[in-house]
Amino acid sequence: METSVLRAAENYEDAQELSPQDAHIYSAVLAHLRQTEDRVSCFLNRNRKDFDDPALVDELTSYGCKLLPSFDRGREYILSETG
């Protein structure tokens, strides 16, 4: 994992009160989104409460990424976006 992702994870762990594991996942997702701007994206997570914070959802949305609470919803979303 890149150093910048690890540093960002520490910040999310403190500022957003994420668990260490969730902070690393979220930080890695954002790093990926920054590299793939201008694409429709989704972040699938079976436990929505882990990331169901308005600030996190807004940040994901700013990258065109939708937080979806199940793999079935993710599949539906992907199919609807790809036609």
PDB file of N, CA and C in Angstrom:
ATOM      1  N   MET A   1       0.843  -1.167   0.000  1.00  0.00           N
ATOM      2  CA  MET A   1       0.000   0.000   0.000  1.00  0.00           C
ATOM      3  C   MET A   1       0.892   1.235   0.000  1.00  0.00           C
ATOM      4  N   GLU A   2       0.486   2.240  -0.736  1.00  0.00           N
ATOM      5  CA  GLU A   2       1.264   3.462  -0.830  1.00  0.00           C
ATOM      6  C   GLU A   2       1.290   4.193   0.510  1.00  0.00           C
ATOM      7  N   THR A   3       2.375   4.897   0.740  1.00  0.00           N
ATOM      8  CA  THR A   3       2.527   5.663   1.973  1.00  0.00           C
ATOM      9  C   THR A   3       1.410   6.684   2.125  1.00  0.00           C
ATOM     10  N   SER A   4       1.027   7.333   1.026  1.00  0.00           N
ATOM     11  CA  SER A   4      -0.028   8.348   1.104  1.00  0.00           C
ATOM     12  C   SER A   4      -1.363   7.735   1.545  1.00  0.00           C
ATOM     13  N   VAL A   5      -1.632   6.523   1.118  1.00  0.00           N
ATOM     14  CA  VAL A   5      -2.865   5.835   1.518  1.00  0.00           C
ATOM     15  C   VAL A   5      -2.817   5.530   3.010  1.00  0.00           C
ATOM     16  N   LEU A   6      -1.668   5.090   3.489  1.00  0.00           N
ATOM     17  CA  LEU A   6      -1.525   4.779   4.911  1.00  0.00           C
ATOM     18  C   LEU A   6      -1.670   6.031   5.773  1.00  0.00           C
ATOM     19  N   ARG A   7      -1.072   7.114   5.334  1.00  0.00           N
ATOM     20  CA  ARG A   7      -1.192   8.378   6.084  1.00  0.00           C
ATOM     21  C   ARG A   7      -2.634   8.871   6.093  1.00  0.00           C
ATOM     22  N   ALA A   8      -3.277   8.809   4.949  1.00  0.00           N
ATOM     23  CA  ALA A   8      -4.674   9.238   4.879  1.00  0.00           C
ATOM     24  C   ALA A   8      -5.547   8.369   5.777  1.00  0.00           C
ATOM     25  N   ALA A   9      -5.250   7.075   5.834  1.00  0.00           N
ATOM     26  CA  ALA A   9      -6.015   6.163   6.688  1.00  0.00           C
ATOM     27  C   ALA A   9      -5.922   6.589   8.149  1.00  0.00           C
ATOM     28  N   GLU A  10      -4.744   6.989   8.569  1.00  0.00           N
ATOM     29  CA  GLU A  10      -4.588   7.464   9.950  1.00  0.00           C
ATOM     30  C   GLU A  10      -5.479   8.671  10.207  1.00  0.00           C
ATOM     31  N   ASN A  11      -5.546   9.572   9.235  1.00  0.00           N
ATOM     32  CA  ASN A  11      -6.395  10.755   9.387  1.00  0.00           C
ATOM     33  C   ASN A  11      -7.875  10.378   9.464  1.00  0.00           C
ATOM     34  N   TYR A  12      -8.318   9.451   8.620  1.00  0.00           N
ATOM     35  CA  TYR A  12      -9.721   9.037   8.651  1.00  0.00           C
ATOM     36  C   TYR A  12     -10.045   8.288   9.937  1.00  0.00           C
ATOM     37  N   GLU A  13      -9.093   7.551  10.429  1.00  0.00           N
ATOM     38  CA  GLU A  13      -9.301   6.828  11.681  1.00  0.00           C
ATOM     39  C   GLU A  13      -9.563   7.821  12.811  1.00  0.00           C
ATOM     40  N   ASP A  14      -8.796   8.896  12.854  1.00  0.00           N
ATOM     41  CA  ASP A  14      -8.954   9.898  13.908  1.00  0.00           C
ATOM     42  C   ASP A  14     -10.145  10.819  13.658  1.00  0.00           C
ATOM     43  N   ALA A  15     -10.201  11.420  12.481  1.00  0.00           N
ATOM     44  CA  ALA A  15     -11.216  12.442  12.200  1.00  0.00           C
ATOM     45  C   ALA A  15     -12.621  11.868  12.067  1.00  0.00           C
ATOM     46  N   GLN A  16     -12.749  10.699  11.451  1.00  0.00           N
ATOM     47  CA  GLN A  16     -14.070  10.118  11.204  1.00  0.00           C
ATOM     48  C   GLN A  16     -14.388   8.960  12.145  1.00  0.00           C
ATOM     49  N   GLU A  17     -13.466   8.684  13.058  1.00  0.00           N
ATOM     50  CA  GLU A  17     -13.646   7.604  14.029  1.00  0.00           C
ATOM     51  C   GLU A  17     -13.911   6.253  13.359  1.00  0.00           C
ATOM     52  N   LEU A  18     -13.184   5.997  12.280  1.00  0.00           N
ATOM     53  CA  LEU A  18     -13.275   4.696  11.617  1.00  0.00           C
ATOM     54  C   LEU A  18     -12.339   3.718  12.303  1.00  0.00           C
ATOM     55  N   SER A  19     -12.679   2.451  12.227  1.00  0.00           N
ATOM     56  CA  SER A  19     -11.759   1.432  12.733  1.00  0.00           C
ATOM     57  C   SER A  19     -10.515   1.447  11.845  1.00  0.00           C
ATOM     58  N   PRO A  20      -9.402   0.925  12.326  1.00  0.00           N
ATOM     59  CA  PRO A  20      -8.198   0.894  11.473  1.00  0.00           C
ATOM     60  C   PRO A  20      -8.456   0.204  10.131  1.00  0.00           C
ATOM     61  N   GLN A  21      -9.184  -0.910  10.148  1.00  0.00           N
ATOM     62  CA  GLN A  21      -9.463  -1.638   8.916  1.00  0.00           C
ATOM     63  C   GLN A  21     -10.321  -0.802   7.968  1.00  0.00           C
ATOM     64  N   ASP A  22     -11.376  -0.196   8.505  1.00  0.00           N
ATOM     65  CA  ASP A  22     -12.257   0.612   7.660  1.00  0.00           C
ATOM     66  C   ASP A  22     -11.536   1.845   7.132  1.00  0.00           C
ATOM     67  N   ALA A  23     -10.690   2.448   7.937  1.00  0.00           N
ATOM     68  CA  ALA A  23      -9.935   3.620   7.493  1.00  0.00           C
ATOM     69  C   ALA A  23      -9.014   3.269   6.337  1.00  0.00           C
ATOM     70  N   HIS A  24      -8.390   2.107   6.384  1.00  0.00           N
ATOM     71  CA  HIS A  24      -7.504   1.682   5.290  1.00  0.00           C
ATOM     72  C   HIS A  24      -8.301   1.379   4.026  1.00  0.00           C
ATOM     73  N   ILE A  25      -9.433   0.735   4.187  1.00  0.00           N
ATOM     74  CA  ILE A  25     -10.280   0.443   3.025  1.00  0.00           C
ATOM     75  C   ILE A  25     -10.754   1.740   2.391  1.00  0.00           C
ATOM     76  N   TYR A  26     -11.261   2.644   3.206  1.00  0.00           N
ATOM     77  CA  TYR A  26     -11.790   3.906   2.687  1.00  0.00           C
ATOM     78  C   TYR A  26     -10.692   4.713   1.997  1.00  0.00           C
ATOM     79  N   SER A  27      -9.550   4.770   2.611  1.00  0.00           N
ATOM     80  CA  SER A  27      -8.427   5.515   2.037  1.00  0.00           C
ATOM     81  C   SER A  27      -7.998   4.914   0.698  1.00  0.00           C
ATOM     82  N   ALA A  28      -7.981   3.602   0.601  1.00  0.00           N
ATOM     83  CA  ALA A  28      -7.611   2.934  -0.653  1.00  0.00           C
ATOM     84  C   ALA A  28      -8.665   3.176  -1.734  1.00  0.00           C
ATOM     85  N   VAL A  29      -9.942   3.163  -1.345  1.00  0.00           N
ATOM     86  CA  VAL A  29     -11.015   3.448  -2.296  1.00  0.00           C
ATOM     87  C   VAL A  29     -10.855   4.857  -2.853  1.00  0.00           C
ATOM     88  N   LEU A  30     -10.599   5.835  -1.976  1.00  0.00           N
ATOM     89  CA  LEU A  30     -10.427   7.213  -2.438  1.00  0.00           C
ATOM     90  C   LEU A  30      -9.215   7.356  -3.346  1.00  0.00           C
ATOM     91  N   ALA A  31      -8.134   6.679  -3.012  1.00  0.00           N
ATOM     92  CA  ALA A  31      -6.943   6.740  -3.859  1.00  0.00           C
ATOM     93  C   ALA A  31      -7.268   6.216  -5.261  1.00  0.00           C
ATOM     94  N   HIS A  32      -8.028   5.138  -5.321  1.00  0.00           N
ATOM     95  CA  HIS A  32      -8.430   4.581  -6.615  1.00  0.00           C
ATOM     96  C   HIS A  32      -9.329   5.565  -7.369  1.00  0.00           C
ATOM     97  N   LEU A  33     -10.286   6.166  -6.667  1.00  0.00           N
ATOM     98  CA  LEU A  33     -11.195   7.113  -7.306  1.00  0.00           C
ATOM     99  C   LEU A  33     -10.446   8.310  -7.877  1.00  0.00           C
ATOM    100  N   ARG A  34      -9.428   8.756  -7.188  1.00  0.00           N
ATOM    101  CA  ARG A  34      -8.648   9.896  -7.682  1.00  0.00           C
ATOM    102  C   ARG A  34      -7.938   9.559  -8.990  1.00  0.00           C
ATOM    103  N   GLN A  35      -7.599   8.300  -9.171  1.00  0.00           N
ATOM    104  CA  GLN A  35      -6.905   7.869 -10.389  1.00  0.00           C
ATOM    105  C   GLN A  35      -7.873   7.606 -11.528  1.00  0.00           C
ATOM    106  N   THR A  36      -9.144   7.449 -11.229  1.00  0.00           N
ATOM    107  CA  THR A  36     -10.126   7.071 -12.249  1.00  0.00           C
ATOM    108  C   THR A  36     -11.269   8.069 -12.317  1.00  0.00           C
ATOM    109  N   GLU A  37     -10.961   9.347 -12.185  1.00  0.00           N
ATOM    110  CA  GLU A  37     -12.001  10.377 -12.221  1.00  0.00           C
ATOM    111  C   GLU A  37     -12.781  10.304 -13.527  1.00  0.00           C
ATOM    112  N   ASP A  38     -13.964  10.894 -13.500  1.00  0.00           N
ATOM    113  CA  ASP A  38     -14.865  10.950 -14.659  1.00  0.00           C
ATOM    114  C   ASP A  38     -15.441   9.590 -15.041  1.00  0.00           C
ATOM    115  N   ARG A  39     -15.531   8.714 -14.078  1.00  0.00           N
ATOM    116  CA  ARG A  39     -16.179   7.419 -14.311  1.00  0.00           C
ATOM    117  C   ARG A  39     -17.264   7.225 -13.272  1.00  0.00           C
ATOM    118  N   VAL A  40     -18.270   6.503 -13.637  1.00  0.00           N
ATOM    119  CA  VAL A  40     -19.299   6.138 -12.682  1.00  0.00           C
ATOM    120  C   VAL A  40     -18.728   5.023 -11.827  1.00  0.00           C
ATOM    121  N   SER A  41     -18.819   5.196 -10.515  1.00  0.00           N
ATOM    122  CA  SER A  41     -18.225   4.222  -9.601  1.00  0.00           C
ATOM    123  C   SER A  41     -19.184   3.908  -8.466  1.00  0.00           C
ATOM    124  N   CYS A  42     -18.942   2.777  -7.834  1.00  0.00           N
ATOM    125  CA  CYS A  42     -19.703   2.444  -6.641  1.00  0.00           C
ATOM    126  C   CYS A  42     -18.793   1.716  -5.650  1.00  0.00           C
ATOM    127  N   PHE A  43     -19.096   1.911  -4.400  1.00  0.00           N
ATOM    128  CA  PHE A  43     -18.368   1.292  -3.297  1.00  0.00           C
ATOM    129  C   PHE A  43     -19.355   0.368  -2.608  1.00  0.00           C
ATOM    130  N   LEU A  44     -19.144  -0.927  -2.745  1.00  0.00           N
ATOM    131  CA  LEU A  44     -20.040  -1.927  -2.175  1.00  0.00           C
ATOM    132  C   LEU A  44     -19.539  -2.343  -0.805  1.00  0.00           C
ATOM    133  N   ASN A  45     -20.460  -2.342   0.136  1.00  0.00           N
ATOM    134  CA  ASN A  45     -20.109  -2.741   1.491  1.00  0.00           C
ATOM    135  C   ASN A  45     -21.338  -3.332   2.141  1.00  0.00           C
ATOM    136  N   ARG A  46     -21.226  -4.539   2.619  1.00  0.00           N
ATOM    137  CA  ARG A  46     -22.385  -5.200   3.214  1.00  0.00           C
ATOM    138  C   ARG A  46     -22.792  -4.584   4.546  1.00  0.00           C
ATOM    139  N   ASN A  47     -21.896  -3.878   5.188  1.00  0.00           N
ATOM    140  CA  ASN A  47     -22.236  -3.261   6.460  1.00  0.00           C
ATOM    141  C   ASN A  47     -22.222  -1.747   6.300  1.00  0.00           C
ATOM    142  N   ARG A  48     -23.314  -1.211   5.817  1.00  0.00           N
ATOM    143  CA  ARG A  48     -23.397   0.210   5.480  1.00  0.00           C
ATOM    144  C   ARG A  48     -23.032   1.113   6.660  1.00  0.00           C
ATOM    145  N   LYS A  49     -23.361   0.689   7.881  1.00  0.00           N
ATOM    146  CA  LYS A  49     -23.110   1.561   9.030  1.00  0.00           C
ATOM    147  C   LYS A  49     -21.630   1.875   9.215  1.00  0.00           C
ATOM    148  N   ASP A  50     -20.753   1.049   8.663  1.00  0.00           N
ATOM    149  CA  ASP A  50     -19.317   1.327   8.773  1.00  0.00           C
ATOM    150  C   ASP A  50     -18.939   2.632   8.088  1.00  0.00           C
ATOM    151  N   PHE A  51     -19.600   2.950   7.014  1.00  0.00           N
ATOM    152  CA  PHE A  51     -19.253   4.134   6.217  1.00  0.00           C
ATOM    153  C   PHE A  51     -20.426   5.103   6.060  1.00  0.00           C
ATOM    154  N   ASP A  52     -21.511   4.876   6.792  1.00  0.00           N
ATOM    155  CA  ASP A  52     -22.707   5.696   6.650  1.00  0.00           C
ATOM    156  C   ASP A  52     -22.583   6.973   7.478  1.00  0.00           C
ATOM    157  N   ASP A  53     -21.667   7.800   7.052  1.00  0.00           N
ATOM    158  CA  ASP A  53     -21.425   9.092   7.687  1.00  0.00           C
ATOM    159  C   ASP A  53     -21.585  10.134   6.580  1.00  0.00           C
ATOM    160  N   PRO A  54     -22.368  11.173   6.808  1.00  0.00           N
ATOM    161  CA  PRO A  54     -22.613  12.151   5.740  1.00  0.00           C
ATOM    162  C   PRO A  54     -21.337  12.708   5.106  1.00  0.00           C
ATOM    163  N   ALA A  55     -20.317  12.938   5.899  1.00  0.00           N
ATOM    164  CA  ALA A  55     -19.066  13.479   5.342  1.00  0.00           C
ATOM    165  C   ALA A  55     -18.406  12.474   4.408  1.00  0.00           C
ATOM    166  N   LEU A  56     -18.436  11.199   4.766  1.00  0.00           N
ATOM    167  CA  LEU A  56     -17.840  10.163   3.918  1.00  0.00           C
ATOM    168  C   LEU A  56     -18.660   9.978   2.648  1.00  0.00           C
ATOM    169  N   VAL A  57     -19.973   9.940   2.793  1.00  0.00           N
ATOM    170  CA  VAL A  57     -20.854   9.777   1.628  1.00  0.00           C
ATOM    171  C   VAL A  57     -20.684  10.963   0.679  1.00  0.00           C
ATOM    172  N   ASP A  58     -20.602  12.180   1.238  1.00  0.00           N
ATOM    173  CA  ASP A  58     -20.395  13.365   0.402  1.00  0.00           C
ATOM    174  C   ASP A  58     -19.062  13.306  -0.331  1.00  0.00           C
ATOM    175  N   GLU A  59     -18.029  12.835   0.353  1.00  0.00           N
ATOM    176  CA  GLU A  59     -16.722  12.743  -0.292  1.00  0.00           C
ATOM    177  C   GLU A  59     -16.750  11.722  -1.426  1.00  0.00           C
ATOM    178  N   LEU A  60     -17.364  10.582  -1.197  1.00  0.00           N
ATOM    179  CA  LEU A  60     -17.498   9.587  -2.261  1.00  0.00           C
ATOM    180  C   LEU A  60     -18.291  10.161  -3.433  1.00  0.00           C
ATOM    181  N   THR A  61     -19.384  10.850  -3.120  1.00  0.00           N
ATOM    182  CA  THR A  61     -20.235  11.441  -4.149  1.00  0.00           C
ATOM    183  C   THR A  61     -19.462  12.465  -4.976  1.00  0.00           C
ATOM    184  N   SER A  62     -18.561  13.189  -4.345  1.00  0.00           N
ATOM    185  CA  SER A  62     -17.783  14.197  -5.080  1.00  0.00           C
ATOM    186  C   SER A  62     -16.912  13.558  -6.162  1.00  0.00           C
ATOM    187  N   TYR A  63     -16.647  12.269  -6.042  1.00  0.00           N
ATOM    188  CA  TYR A  63     -15.883  11.537  -7.055  1.00  0.00           C
ATOM    189  C   TYR A  63     -16.796  10.723  -7.972  1.00  0.00           C
ATOM    190  N   GLY A  64     -18.104  10.956  -7.872  1.00  0.00           N
ATOM    191  CA  GLY A  64     -19.045  10.216  -8.705  1.00  0.00           C
ATOM    192  C   GLY A  64     -19.219   8.784  -8.246  1.00  0.00           C
ATOM    193  N   CYS A  65     -18.988   8.558  -6.963  1.00  0.00           N
ATOM    194  CA  CYS A  65     -19.054   7.206  -6.413  1.00  0.00           C
ATOM    195  C   CYS A  65     -20.246   7.083  -5.478  1.00  0.00           C
ATOM    196  N   LYS A  66     -20.983   6.018  -5.667  1.00  0.00           N
ATOM    197  CA  LYS A  66     -22.184   5.766  -4.881  1.00  0.00           C
ATOM    198  C   LYS A  66     -21.888   4.669  -3.853  1.00  0.00           C
ATOM    199  N   LEU A  67     -22.234   4.919  -2.586  1.00  0.00           N
ATOM    200  CA  LEU A  67     -22.090   3.911  -1.532  1.00  0.00           C
ATOM    201  C   LEU A  67     -23.324   3.023  -1.552  1.00  0.00           C
ATOM    202  N   LEU A  68     -23.117   1.729  -1.744  1.00  0.00           N
ATOM    203  CA  LEU A  68     -24.231   0.783  -1.814  1.00  0.00           C
ATOM    204  C   LEU A  68     -24.062  -0.287  -0.740  1.00  0.00           C
ATOM    205  N   PRO A  69     -25.153  -0.581  -0.002  1.00  0.00           N
ATOM    206  CA  PRO A  69     -25.059  -1.440   1.173  1.00  0.00           C
ATOM    207  C   PRO A  69     -25.146  -2.947   0.923  1.00  0.00           C
ATOM    208  N   SER A  70     -25.186  -3.370  -0.318  1.00  0.00           N
ATOM    209  CA  SER A  70     -25.232  -4.812  -0.569  1.00  0.00           C
ATOM    210  C   SER A  70     -24.686  -5.107  -1.960  1.00  0.00           C
ATOM    211  N   PHE A  71     -24.259  -6.335  -2.132  1.00  0.00           N
ATOM    212  CA  PHE A  71     -23.744  -6.727  -3.434  1.00  0.00           C
ATOM    213  C   PHE A  71     -24.874  -6.833  -4.459  1.00  0.00           C
ATOM    214  N   ASP A  72     -26.071  -7.205  -4.011  1.00  0.00           N
ATOM    215  CA  ASP A  72     -27.212  -7.243  -4.929  1.00  0.00           C
ATOM    216  C   ASP A  72     -27.542  -5.845  -5.444  1.00  0.00           C
ATOM    217  N   ARG A  73     -27.551  -4.859  -4.554  1.00  0.00           N
ATOM    218  CA  ARG A  73     -27.804  -3.473  -4.979  1.00  0.00           C
ATOM    219  C   ARG A  73     -26.690  -2.991  -5.903  1.00  0.00           C
ATOM    220  N   GLY A  74     -25.468  -3.408  -5.617  1.00  0.00           N
ATOM    221  CA  GLY A  74     -24.345  -3.049  -6.476  1.00  0.00           C
ATOM    222  C   GLY A  74     -24.503  -3.624  -7.869  1.00  0.00           C
ATOM    223  N   ARG A  75     -24.897  -4.868  -7.929  1.00  0.00           N
ATOM    224  CA  ARG A  75     -25.123  -5.522  -9.224  1.00  0.00           C
ATOM    225  C   ARG A  75     -26.205  -4.790 -10.002  1.00  0.00           C
ATOM    226  N   GLU A  76     -27.320  -4.469  -9.340  1.00  0.00           N
ATOM    227  CA  GLU A  76     -28.405  -3.741  -9.986  1.00  0.00           C
ATOM    228  C   GLU A  76     -27.924  -2.385 -10.507  1.00  0.00           C
ATOM    229  N   TYR A  77     -27.150  -1.691  -9.681  1.00  0.00           N
ATOM    230  CA  TYR A  77     -26.638  -0.379 -10.077  1.00  0.00           C
ATOM    231  C   TYR A  77     -25.715  -0.488 -11.281  1.00  0.00           C
ATOM    232  N   ILE A  78     -24.820  -1.424 -11.252  1.00  0.00           N
ATOM    233  CA  ILE A  78     -23.878  -1.608 -12.357  1.00  0.00           C
ATOM    234  C   ILE A  78     -24.620  -1.945 -13.644  1.00  0.00           C
ATOM    235  N   LEU A  79     -25.579  -2.842 -13.561  1.00  0.00           N
ATOM    236  CA  LEU A  79     -26.366  -3.194 -14.743  1.00  0.00           C
ATOM    237  C   LEU A  79     -27.144  -2.003 -15.282  1.00  0.00           C
ATOM    238  N   SER A  80     -27.683  -1.182 -14.377  1.00  0.00           N
ATOM    239  CA  SER A  80     -28.450  -0.014 -14.827  1.00  0.00           C
ATOM    240  C   SER A  80     -27.548   1.026 -15.480  1.00  0.00           C
ATOM    241  N   GLU A  81     -26.290   1.114 -15.070  1.00  0.00           N
ATOM    242  CA  GLU A  81     -25.369   2.092 -15.623  1.00  0.00           C
ATOM    243  C   GLU A  81     -24.713   1.630 -16.931  1.00  0.00           C
ATOM    244  N   THR A  82     -24.645   0.328 -17.128  1.00  0.00           N
ATOM    245  CA  THR A  82     -23.989  -0.195 -18.321  1.00  0.00           C
ATOM    246  C   THR A  82     -24.970  -0.573 -19.416  1.00  0.00           C
ATOM    247  N   GLY A  83     -26.252  -0.511 -19.092  1.00  0.00           N
ATOM    248  CA  GLY A  83     -27.277  -0.745 -20.106  1.00  0.00           C
ATOM    249  C   GLY A  83     -27.442  -2.166 -20.398  1.00  0.00           C
TER     250      GLY A  83
END
